[in-house]
Amino acid sequence: MTTHAKSRLGTATDVPALVRLINSAYRVEAFFLHGDRVRAPDVVAKLDAPASAFLVIEGPGGLAGAVHVEVRGERGYFGLLSVDPAHQGQGLGRVLVEAAEAHCRAAGCQALDIDVVNLRTELPPFYAKFGFRPTGTTPFPAQSKLKQPVHLVVMSKPLA
């Protein structure tokens, strides 16, 4: 798998693979989060929501990566960036971030946002490489799933 991988829009048939991929990629959050990051109804709701999609990358034997994107007027949002642990370190994260940017830019977005958990200290420097900068904080949406207090760091990048 290389950075020449191409993304496609996820479909309802991808839901089981998306759930497996996202939960596998987010196992690193087990130190602060009870249970899985997503369930099938969560993924279906995101697929069914207006101006919302998953961009996915096929790998040998299933999905190798995915990202959720939403168009929110002039701002785009992406989250749940997931690369199968067996495929990490091969540039798929970059491909997915660039695909999210292109998707939102094509929809007319002027900026792109992502929320990262404050305890995932490796994430702000990763996204900074793509031009994202911290712009604020917001509460973690699923407080009942938390083992310890966390919040989200909002990072943004102009697309124009």
C-alpha atoms as a PDB file:
ATOM      1  CA  MET A   1       0.000   0.000   0.000  1.00  0.00           C
ATOM      2  CA  THR A   2       1.402   3.384  -0.949  1.00  0.00           C
ATOM      3  CA  THR A   3       0.432   7.020  -0.977  1.00  0.00           C
ATOM      4  CA  HIS A   4      -0.849   6.368  -4.535  1.00  0.00           C
ATOM      5  CA  ALA A   5      -3.937   4.806  -2.969  1.00  0.00           C
ATOM      6  CA  LYS A   6      -7.227   6.331  -4.108  1.00  0.00           C
ATOM      7  CA  SER A   7     -10.239   7.001  -1.950  1.00  0.00           C
ATOM      8  CA  ARG A   8     -13.859   6.392  -2.837  1.00  0.00           C
ATOM      9  CA  LEU A   9     -17.155   7.235  -1.175  1.00  0.00           C
ATOM     10  CA  GLY A  10     -18.219   4.714   1.425  1.00  0.00           C
ATOM     11  CA  THR A  11     -21.585   2.985   1.034  1.00  0.00           C
ATOM     12  CA  ALA A  12     -24.033   1.142   3.259  1.00  0.00           C
ATOM     13  CA  THR A  13     -22.330  -2.136   2.330  1.00  0.00           C
ATOM     14  CA  ASP A  14     -19.143  -0.778   3.961  1.00  0.00           C
ATOM     15  CA  VAL A  15     -20.757  -0.335   7.411  1.00  0.00           C
ATOM     16  CA  PRO A  16     -19.449  -3.572   9.008  1.00  0.00           C
ATOM     17  CA  ALA A  17     -15.945  -2.952   7.639  1.00  0.00           C
ATOM     18  CA  LEU A  18     -16.044   0.699   8.752  1.00  0.00           C
ATOM     19  CA  VAL A  19     -17.039  -0.279  12.297  1.00  0.00           C
ATOM     20  CA  ARG A  20     -14.215  -2.831  12.462  1.00  0.00           C
ATOM     21  CA  LEU A  21     -11.656  -0.433  10.976  1.00  0.00           C
ATOM     22  CA  ILE A  22     -12.553   2.559  13.152  1.00  0.00           C
ATOM     23  CA  ASN A  23     -12.648   0.546  16.370  1.00  0.00           C
ATOM     24  CA  SER A  24      -9.367  -1.162  15.509  1.00  0.00           C
ATOM     25  CA  ALA A  25      -7.645   2.150  14.757  1.00  0.00           C
ATOM     26  CA  TYR A  26      -9.024   3.753  17.931  1.00  0.00           C
ATOM     27  CA  ARG A  27      -7.979   0.974  20.344  1.00  0.00           C
ATOM     28  CA  VAL A  28      -5.204   3.381  21.372  1.00  0.00           C
ATOM     29  CA  GLU A  29      -7.911   5.360  23.199  1.00  0.00           C
ATOM     30  CA  ALA A  30      -8.788   2.493  25.554  1.00  0.00           C
ATOM     31  CA  PHE A  31      -6.867   4.219  28.357  1.00  0.00           C
ATOM     32  CA  PHE A  32      -9.524   6.935  28.575  1.00  0.00           C
ATOM     33  CA  LEU A  33     -12.577   5.514  26.783  1.00  0.00           C
ATOM     34  CA  HIS A  34     -14.933   2.678  27.792  1.00  0.00           C
ATOM     35  CA  GLY A  35     -15.975   0.390  24.944  1.00  0.00           C
ATOM     36  CA  ASP A  36     -15.770   0.851  21.220  1.00  0.00           C
ATOM     37  CA  ARG A  37     -15.436   4.232  19.545  1.00  0.00           C
ATOM     38  CA  VAL A  38     -18.383   3.546  17.186  1.00  0.00           C
ATOM     39  CA  ARG A  39     -21.233   1.107  16.673  1.00  0.00           C
ATOM     40  CA  ALA A  40     -22.993   0.265  13.404  1.00  0.00           C
ATOM     41  CA  PRO A  41     -25.912   2.672  14.085  1.00  0.00           C
ATOM     42  CA  ASP A  42     -23.388   5.514  14.565  1.00  0.00           C
ATOM     43  CA  VAL A  43     -21.823   4.826  11.170  1.00  0.00           C
ATOM     44  CA  VAL A  44     -25.211   4.429   9.461  1.00  0.00           C
ATOM     45  CA  ALA A  45     -26.374   7.755  10.932  1.00  0.00           C
ATOM     46  CA  LYS A  46     -23.275   9.493   9.560  1.00  0.00           C
ATOM     47  CA  LEU A  47     -23.756   7.894   6.130  1.00  0.00           C
ATOM     48  CA  ASP A  48     -27.427   8.908   6.075  1.00  0.00           C
ATOM     49  CA  ALA A  49     -26.928  12.491   7.287  1.00  0.00           C
ATOM     50  CA  PRO A  50     -27.121  15.255   4.674  1.00  0.00           C
ATOM     51  CA  ALA A  51     -23.740  16.542   3.430  1.00  0.00           C
ATOM     52  CA  SER A  52     -21.973  13.726   5.317  1.00  0.00           C
ATOM     53  CA  ALA A  53     -19.892  10.878   3.905  1.00  0.00           C
ATOM     54  CA  PHE A  54     -17.102   8.439   4.573  1.00  0.00           C
ATOM     55  CA  LEU A  55     -14.141   8.378   2.224  1.00  0.00           C
ATOM     56  CA  VAL A  56     -12.533   4.942   2.213  1.00  0.00           C
ATOM     57  CA  ILE A  57      -9.407   3.283   0.853  1.00  0.00           C
ATOM     58  CA  GLU A  58      -9.469  -0.377  -0.098  1.00  0.00           C
ATOM     59  CA  GLY A  59      -6.657  -2.609   1.036  1.00  0.00           C
ATOM     60  CA  PRO A  60      -5.911  -6.267   0.598  1.00  0.00           C
ATOM     61  CA  GLY A  61      -8.622  -8.103   2.461  1.00  0.00           C
ATOM     62  CA  GLY A  62     -10.822  -5.092   3.267  1.00  0.00           C
ATOM     63  CA  LEU A  63     -10.736  -1.421   4.104  1.00  0.00           C
ATOM     64  CA  ALA A  64      -7.294  -0.052   4.905  1.00  0.00           C
ATOM     65  CA  GLY A  65      -8.408   3.461   5.799  1.00  0.00           C
ATOM     66  CA  ALA A  66     -11.372   5.785   6.156  1.00  0.00           C
ATOM     67  CA  VAL A  67     -12.322   9.296   7.188  1.00  0.00           C
ATOM     68  CA  HIS A  68     -15.687  10.883   7.933  1.00  0.00           C
ATOM     69  CA  VAL A  69     -16.355  14.235   6.224  1.00  0.00           C
ATOM     70  CA  GLU A  70     -19.177  16.751   6.577  1.00  0.00           C
ATOM     71  CA  VAL A  71     -19.960  19.940   4.737  1.00  0.00           C
ATOM     72  CA  ARG A  72     -21.273  22.548   7.177  1.00  0.00           C
ATOM     73  CA  GLY A  73     -21.933  25.540   4.985  1.00  0.00           C
ATOM     74  CA  GLU A  74     -18.646  27.297   4.264  1.00  0.00           C
ATOM     75  CA  ARG A  75     -16.814  25.060   6.729  1.00  0.00           C
ATOM     76  CA  GLY A  76     -15.930  21.429   6.286  1.00  0.00           C
ATOM     77  CA  TYR A  77     -15.305  18.971   9.089  1.00  0.00           C
ATOM     78  CA  PHE A  78     -13.504  15.671   9.167  1.00  0.00           C
ATOM     79  CA  GLY A  79     -13.078  13.121  11.904  1.00  0.00           C
ATOM     80  CA  LEU A  80     -12.706   9.460  12.731  1.00  0.00           C
ATOM     81  CA  LEU A  81      -9.579   9.340  10.569  1.00  0.00           C
ATOM     82  CA  SER A  82      -8.772   5.643  10.710  1.00  0.00           C
ATOM     83  CA  VAL A  83      -5.966   3.584   9.243  1.00  0.00           C
ATOM     84  CA  ASP A  84      -5.871  -0.135   9.885  1.00  0.00           C
ATOM     85  CA  PRO A  85      -2.961  -0.756  12.279  1.00  0.00           C
ATOM     86  CA  ALA A  86      -1.471  -3.195   9.737  1.00  0.00           C
ATOM     87  CA  HIS A  87      -1.286  -0.346   7.205  1.00  0.00           C
ATOM     88  CA  GLN A  88      -0.133   2.520   9.424  1.00  0.00           C
ATOM     89  CA  GLY A  89       3.065   4.328   8.517  1.00  0.00           C
ATOM     90  CA  GLN A  90       2.443   3.940   4.772  1.00  0.00           C
ATOM     91  CA  GLY A  91       1.072   7.400   4.047  1.00  0.00           C
ATOM     92  CA  LEU A  92      -2.624   6.510   4.078  1.00  0.00           C
ATOM     93  CA  GLY A  93      -3.368   9.117   6.752  1.00  0.00           C
ATOM     94  CA  ARG A  94      -1.987  11.782   4.423  1.00  0.00           C
ATOM     95  CA  VAL A  95      -4.050  10.441   1.509  1.00  0.00           C
ATOM     96  CA  LEU A  96      -7.198  10.569   3.648  1.00  0.00           C
ATOM     97  CA  VAL A  97      -6.552  14.103   4.968  1.00  0.00           C
ATOM     98  CA  GLU A  98      -5.922  15.306   1.416  1.00  0.00           C
ATOM     99  CA  ALA A  99      -9.088  13.529   0.207  1.00  0.00           C
ATOM    100  CA  ALA A 100     -11.114  15.211   2.981  1.00  0.00           C
ATOM    101  CA  GLU A 101      -9.668  18.589   1.969  1.00  0.00           C
ATOM    102  CA  ALA A 102     -10.469  17.996  -1.709  1.00  0.00           C
ATOM    103  CA  HIS A 103     -14.001  16.808  -0.897  1.00  0.00           C
ATOM    104  CA  CYS A 104     -14.758  19.887   1.196  1.00  0.00           C
ATOM    105  CA  ARG A 105     -13.040  22.293  -1.198  1.00  0.00           C
ATOM    106  CA  ALA A 106     -15.127  20.875  -4.091  1.00  0.00           C
ATOM    107  CA  ALA A 107     -18.259  21.495  -1.986  1.00  0.00           C
ATOM    108  CA  GLY A 108     -17.304  25.178  -1.641  1.00  0.00           C
ATOM    109  CA  CYS A 109     -15.902  25.098   1.883  1.00  0.00           C
ATOM    110  CA  GLN A 110     -13.524  27.923   2.806  1.00  0.00           C
ATOM    111  CA  ALA A 111     -12.076  26.177   5.874  1.00  0.00           C
ATOM    112  CA  LEU A 112     -11.709  22.694   7.314  1.00  0.00           C
ATOM    113  CA  ASP A 113     -11.983  21.695  10.985  1.00  0.00           C
ATOM    114  CA  ILE A 114     -11.093  18.647  13.051  1.00  0.00           C
ATOM    115  CA  ASP A 115     -11.497  17.921  16.767  1.00  0.00           C
ATOM    116  CA  VAL A 116      -8.745  15.937  18.512  1.00  0.00           C
ATOM    117  CA  VAL A 117      -8.774  14.540  22.031  1.00  0.00           C
ATOM    118  CA  ASN A 118      -6.420  16.520  24.279  1.00  0.00           C
ATOM    119  CA  LEU A 119      -4.876  13.314  25.688  1.00  0.00           C
ATOM    120  CA  ARG A 120      -3.790  12.231  22.185  1.00  0.00           C
ATOM    121  CA  THR A 121      -0.739  14.481  22.279  1.00  0.00           C
ATOM    122  CA  GLU A 122       0.654  12.996  19.049  1.00  0.00           C
ATOM    123  CA  LEU A 123      -2.285  14.328  17.013  1.00  0.00           C
ATOM    124  CA  PRO A 124      -1.804  18.133  17.028  1.00  0.00           C
ATOM    125  CA  PRO A 125       1.734  17.845  15.567  1.00  0.00           C
ATOM    126  CA  PHE A 126       0.451  15.343  12.969  1.00  0.00           C
ATOM    127  CA  TYR A 127      -2.288  17.704  11.784  1.00  0.00           C
ATOM    128  CA  ALA A 128      -0.003  20.743  12.038  1.00  0.00           C
ATOM    129  CA  LYS A 129       2.035  19.171   9.207  1.00  0.00           C
ATOM    130  CA  PHE A 130      -1.044  19.705   7.014  1.00  0.00           C
ATOM    131  CA  GLY A 131      -1.489  23.333   8.061  1.00  0.00           C
ATOM    132  CA  PHE A 132      -4.044  22.862  10.855  1.00  0.00           C
ATOM    133  CA  ARG A 133      -3.762  25.132  13.901  1.00  0.00           C
ATOM    134  CA  PRO A 134      -5.528  24.971  17.288  1.00  0.00           C
ATOM    135  CA  THR A 135      -8.449  27.406  17.436  1.00  0.00           C
ATOM    136  CA  GLY A 136     -10.229  26.444  20.659  1.00  0.00           C
ATOM    137  CA  THR A 137     -11.634  23.621  22.738  1.00  0.00           C
ATOM    138  CA  THR A 138     -14.982  21.889  23.109  1.00  0.00           C
ATOM    139  CA  PRO A 139     -16.357  19.162  25.421  1.00  0.00           C
ATOM    140  CA  PHE A 140     -16.032  15.498  24.453  1.00  0.00           C
ATOM    141  CA  PRO A 141     -19.516  14.559  23.165  1.00  0.00           C
ATOM    142  CA  ALA A 142     -19.859  11.147  24.843  1.00  0.00           C
ATOM    143  CA  GLN A 143     -19.047  12.024  28.471  1.00  0.00           C
ATOM    144  CA  SER A 144     -20.606   8.774  29.758  1.00  0.00           C
ATOM    145  CA  LYS A 145     -17.964   6.739  27.862  1.00  0.00           C
ATOM    146  CA  LEU A 146     -15.030   8.459  29.568  1.00  0.00           C
ATOM    147  CA  LYS A 147     -12.753   6.861  32.169  1.00  0.00           C
ATOM    148  CA  GLN A 148     -11.152  10.237  32.916  1.00  0.00           C
ATOM    149  CA  PRO A 149     -11.789  13.886  32.040  1.00  0.00           C
ATOM    150  CA  VAL A 150     -10.921  14.837  28.472  1.00  0.00           C
ATOM    151  CA  HIS A 151     -11.851  17.590  26.059  1.00  0.00           C
ATOM    152  CA  LEU A 152     -11.456  18.174  22.364  1.00  0.00           C
ATOM    153  CA  VAL A 153      -8.980  20.573  20.786  1.00  0.00           C
ATOM    154  CA  VAL A 154     -10.475  22.206  17.704  1.00  0.00           C
ATOM    155  CA  MET A 155      -7.996  22.590  14.856  1.00  0.00           C
ATOM    156  CA  SER A 156      -8.714  24.508  11.653  1.00  0.00           C
ATOM    157  CA  LYS A 157      -7.169  25.231   8.283  1.00  0.00           C
ATOM    158  CA  PRO A 158      -8.196  27.678   5.550  1.00  0.00           C
ATOM    159  CA  LEU A 159      -8.949  25.970   2.232  1.00  0.00           C
ATOM    160  CA  ALA A 160      -9.107  29.070   0.018  1.00  0.00           C
END
